[in-house]
């Protein structure tokens, strides 16, 4: 596997708790590195996982995970973990991973996920929308659409995002988060391919 084959690449550093008596990374941690990169892959798709799966009507379950070791990582090494969707079947998706230290390939892995009904955990077909997102991402397509407008057009989605980030996550008082400038500002909201608003900002004009 070549680094250029991966559009999604996540960087991390080996920590003290991840090495063994031989002072190399304990074998099980490589699978954790791959799983961490899988979370970054969903981020690259602009899909907030829980909310997106709710829209899609299912969940992704790991059916099989395999890891092949080629070389070892050591304490304080900087690793790049590549992740890509290699194949999409009727109800399953095959993801390939590769872990590099510089240009040296250390580990390759394969994860098979099955899309399933969370209530029964029985497999169901991969939704067409998810299939299109995965195929589009691997083909180099943009994962978000930027819409700009005034508060009347975008205020509802912008306010929802700002409340989630500033009020709920950061604890800013709700009455301090919004101000009178919203009505005159130019707003931008990013939407993912499921139509979910995922980011927002505003441009203020201080003078004509």
Protein backbone atom coordinates (compact mmCIF):
# COMPACT_ATOMS: atom_id res chain seq x y z
CA UNK A 1 0.00 0.00 0.00
CA UNK A 2 1.27 3.45 -0.93
CA UNK A 3 0.64 6.60 1.11
CA UNK A 4 -0.84 8.33 -1.94
CA UNK A 5 -3.62 5.71 -2.05
CA UNK A 6 -5.16 7.21 1.09
CA UNK A 7 -7.16 10.42 1.02
CA UNK A 8 -7.75 10.16 4.78
CA UNK A 9 -4.55 10.20 6.84
CA UNK A 10 -4.52 10.65 10.62
CA UNK A 11 -1.35 11.48 12.57
CA UNK A 12 -0.67 10.37 16.14
CA UNK A 13 2.30 9.85 18.46
CA UNK A 14 3.18 6.67 20.34
CA UNK A 15 2.66 7.14 24.08
CA UNK A 16 4.47 5.51 27.00
CA UNK A 17 1.44 3.39 27.96
CA UNK A 18 1.39 1.80 24.50
CA UNK A 19 4.83 0.16 24.53
CA UNK A 20 5.68 -3.23 26.04
CA UNK A 21 8.68 -4.74 27.81
CA UNK A 22 10.53 -4.79 24.48
CA UNK A 23 9.99 -1.01 24.24
CA UNK A 24 7.94 -1.36 21.08
CA UNK A 25 4.22 -0.83 20.60
CA UNK A 26 2.19 -3.72 22.04
CA UNK A 27 0.51 -5.48 19.13
CA UNK A 28 -3.09 -4.84 20.23
CA UNK A 29 -2.59 -1.06 20.17
CA UNK A 30 -2.24 -1.03 16.39
CA UNK A 31 -5.89 -2.00 16.10
CA UNK A 32 -6.71 0.90 18.42
CA UNK A 33 -4.73 3.22 16.11
CA UNK A 34 -6.75 1.96 13.16
CA UNK A 35 -10.02 2.43 15.03
CA UNK A 36 -8.98 5.99 15.90
CA UNK A 37 -8.33 6.64 12.21
CA UNK A 38 -11.76 5.21 11.44
CA UNK A 39 -13.29 7.93 13.61
CA UNK A 40 -11.29 10.51 11.65
CA UNK A 41 -12.59 8.96 8.43
CA UNK A 42 -16.18 9.70 9.49
CA UNK A 43 -15.05 13.24 10.31
CA UNK A 44 -13.54 13.55 6.82
CA UNK A 45 -16.91 12.51 5.40
CA UNK A 46 -18.47 15.38 7.43
CA UNK A 47 -20.75 12.84 9.08
CA UNK A 48 -21.38 13.28 12.82
CA UNK A 49 -21.62 9.55 13.47
CA UNK A 50 -24.55 9.20 15.86
CA UNK A 51 -26.81 11.75 14.19
CA UNK A 52 -25.93 10.48 10.72
CA UNK A 53 -26.67 6.86 11.57
CA UNK A 54 -30.04 7.97 12.96
CA UNK A 55 -30.87 9.56 9.59
CA UNK A 56 -29.62 6.50 7.71
CA UNK A 57 -31.71 4.17 9.87
CA UNK A 58 -29.00 1.78 11.02
CA UNK A 59 -25.58 1.25 12.54
CA UNK A 60 -22.19 0.06 11.34
CA UNK A 61 -20.99 -3.07 13.17
CA UNK A 62 -17.52 -4.60 12.90
CA UNK A 63 -17.79 -8.12 11.51
CA UNK A 64 -14.10 -8.87 11.08
CA UNK A 65 -10.78 -7.16 11.80
CA UNK A 66 -7.40 -8.40 10.62
CA UNK A 67 -3.94 -6.91 11.21
CA UNK A 68 -0.66 -7.80 9.53
CA UNK A 69 2.63 -6.65 11.08
CA UNK A 70 5.60 -5.64 8.93
CA UNK A 71 7.74 -3.59 11.34
CA UNK A 72 7.52 -2.12 14.85
CA UNK A 73 6.77 1.36 16.15
CA UNK A 74 8.64 2.66 19.17
CA UNK A 75 7.99 5.16 21.95
CA UNK A 76 7.55 8.72 20.69
CA UNK A 77 7.38 7.72 17.02
CA UNK A 78 5.05 9.86 14.91
CA UNK A 79 2.70 7.60 12.99
CA UNK A 80 0.41 8.30 10.05
CA UNK A 81 -2.61 6.04 9.78
CA UNK A 82 -4.27 5.86 6.37
CA UNK A 83 -7.86 4.72 5.97
CA UNK A 84 -9.90 4.06 2.85
CA UNK A 85 -13.11 2.33 1.80
CA UNK A 86 -11.99 -0.38 -0.60
CA UNK A 87 -15.26 -2.14 -1.42
CA UNK A 88 -18.98 -1.80 -0.77
CA UNK A 89 -21.14 -4.89 -0.97
CA UNK A 90 -24.86 -5.32 -0.44
CA UNK A 91 -24.76 -4.88 3.35
CA UNK A 92 -21.04 -4.69 4.08
CA UNK A 93 -18.16 -2.25 3.60
CA UNK A 94 -14.50 -3.21 3.51
CA UNK A 95 -12.05 -0.63 4.85
CA UNK A 96 -8.30 -0.89 4.41
CA UNK A 97 -5.78 0.71 6.75
CA UNK A 98 -2.03 1.25 6.70
CA UNK A 99 0.23 2.62 9.43
CA UNK A 100 3.41 4.43 8.44
CA UNK A 101 6.36 5.88 10.29
CA UNK A 102 7.73 8.30 7.74
CA UNK A 103 7.80 6.34 4.49
CA UNK A 104 8.17 2.99 6.27
CA UNK A 105 5.08 0.75 6.24
CA UNK A 106 4.61 -0.80 9.69
CA UNK A 107 1.17 -2.36 9.72
CA UNK A 108 -1.69 -3.09 7.32
CA UNK A 109 -5.21 -3.89 8.38
CA UNK A 110 -8.67 -4.65 7.08
CA UNK A 111 -12.00 -3.94 8.76
CA UNK A 112 -15.27 -5.39 7.51
CA UNK A 113 -18.31 -3.44 8.69
CA UNK A 114 -21.89 -4.59 8.27
CA UNK A 115 -24.76 -2.11 8.13
CA UNK A 116 -27.51 -3.42 10.38
CA UNK A 117 -30.73 -2.63 12.18
CA UNK A 118 -29.64 -1.61 15.71
CA UNK A 119 -32.78 -3.08 17.28
CA UNK A 120 -32.24 -6.60 15.90
CA UNK A 121 -28.58 -6.37 14.83
CA UNK A 122 -29.52 -8.07 11.57
CA UNK A 123 -27.87 -6.88 8.38
CA UNK A 124 -29.67 -4.59 5.96
CA UNK A 125 -28.54 -3.13 2.61
CA UNK A 126 -26.10 -0.23 2.76
CA UNK A 127 -28.27 2.88 2.19
CA UNK A 128 -27.87 4.47 -1.22
CA UNK A 129 -27.00 7.80 0.42
CA UNK A 130 -24.14 6.28 2.43
CA UNK A 131 -22.91 4.36 -0.59
CA UNK A 132 -22.81 7.58 -2.62
CA UNK A 133 -20.95 9.43 0.15
CA UNK A 134 -18.28 6.74 0.49
CA UNK A 135 -17.80 6.40 -3.26
CA UNK A 136 -17.74 10.17 -3.69
CA UNK A 137 -15.15 10.70 -0.99
CA UNK A 138 -12.81 8.08 -2.41
CA UNK A 139 -13.23 9.65 -5.86
CA UNK A 140 -12.10 13.03 -4.51
CA UNK A 141 -15.48 14.77 -4.27
CA UNK A 142 -16.25 17.56 -1.82
CA UNK A 143 -18.13 16.41 1.26
CA UNK A 144 -19.75 19.73 2.18
CA UNK A 145 -21.71 22.47 0.47
CA UNK A 146 -21.34 26.08 1.62
CA UNK A 147 -24.47 28.23 1.69
CA UNK A 148 -24.38 31.93 2.48
CA UNK A 149 -27.23 34.27 3.28
CA UNK A 150 -28.87 36.38 5.93
CA UNK A 151 -30.21 35.40 9.34
CA UNK A 152 -33.70 34.79 7.98
CA UNK A 153 -32.38 32.20 5.56
CA UNK A 154 -29.75 30.46 7.72
CA UNK A 155 -30.39 31.56 11.28
CA UNK A 156 -32.20 28.41 12.39
CA UNK A 157 -29.35 26.06 11.43
CA UNK A 158 -26.62 28.51 12.48
CA UNK A 159 -28.20 29.02 15.88
CA UNK A 160 -28.54 25.28 16.44
CA UNK A 161 -24.86 24.73 15.74
CA UNK A 162 -23.73 27.67 17.84
CA UNK A 163 -25.87 26.54 20.76
CA UNK A 164 -24.39 23.04 20.58
CA UNK A 165 -20.78 24.29 20.46
CA UNK A 166 -20.74 27.43 22.59
CA UNK A 167 -23.58 26.95 25.06
CA UNK A 168 -23.65 23.18 25.64
CA UNK A 169 -20.00 22.29 25.05
CA UNK A 170 -18.20 25.41 26.27
CA UNK A 171 -20.68 26.64 28.87
CA UNK A 172 -21.13 30.15 27.49
CA UNK A 173 -24.41 31.71 28.74
CA UNK A 174 -27.11 31.49 26.08
CA UNK A 175 -27.86 35.21 26.31
CA UNK A 176 -24.21 36.03 25.61
CA UNK A 177 -23.91 33.78 22.59
CA UNK A 178 -26.30 35.74 20.35
CA UNK A 179 -26.24 39.48 19.70
CA UNK A 180 -27.95 42.14 17.60
CA UNK A 181 -25.29 41.87 14.88
CA UNK A 182 -26.75 38.56 13.67
CA UNK A 183 -29.51 40.39 11.83
CA UNK A 184 -27.07 42.44 9.72
CA UNK A 185 -24.25 39.89 9.34
CA UNK A 186 -23.58 37.66 6.35
CA UNK A 187 -23.86 34.05 7.51
CA UNK A 188 -22.34 30.86 6.14
CA UNK A 189 -23.44 27.32 6.95
CA UNK A 190 -21.77 24.13 5.74
CA UNK A 191 -24.04 21.18 4.96
CA UNK A 192 -22.93 17.60 4.51
CA UNK A 193 -24.31 15.22 1.91
CA UNK A 194 -27.17 14.19 4.20
CA UNK A 195 -28.28 17.81 4.46
CA UNK A 196 -27.06 18.18 8.06
CA UNK A 197 -25.57 21.54 9.07
CA UNK A 198 -22.07 20.82 10.37
CA UNK A 199 -20.32 24.21 10.67
CA UNK A 200 -21.17 27.90 10.64
CA UNK A 201 -19.62 31.36 10.72
CA UNK A 202 -20.56 34.98 10.10
CA UNK A 203 -18.98 38.00 8.44
CA UNK A 204 -19.51 41.40 10.00
CA UNK A 205 -19.24 44.69 8.12
CA UNK A 206 -17.93 47.31 10.51
CA UNK A 207 -18.32 50.18 8.05
CA UNK A 208 -19.75 50.72 4.55
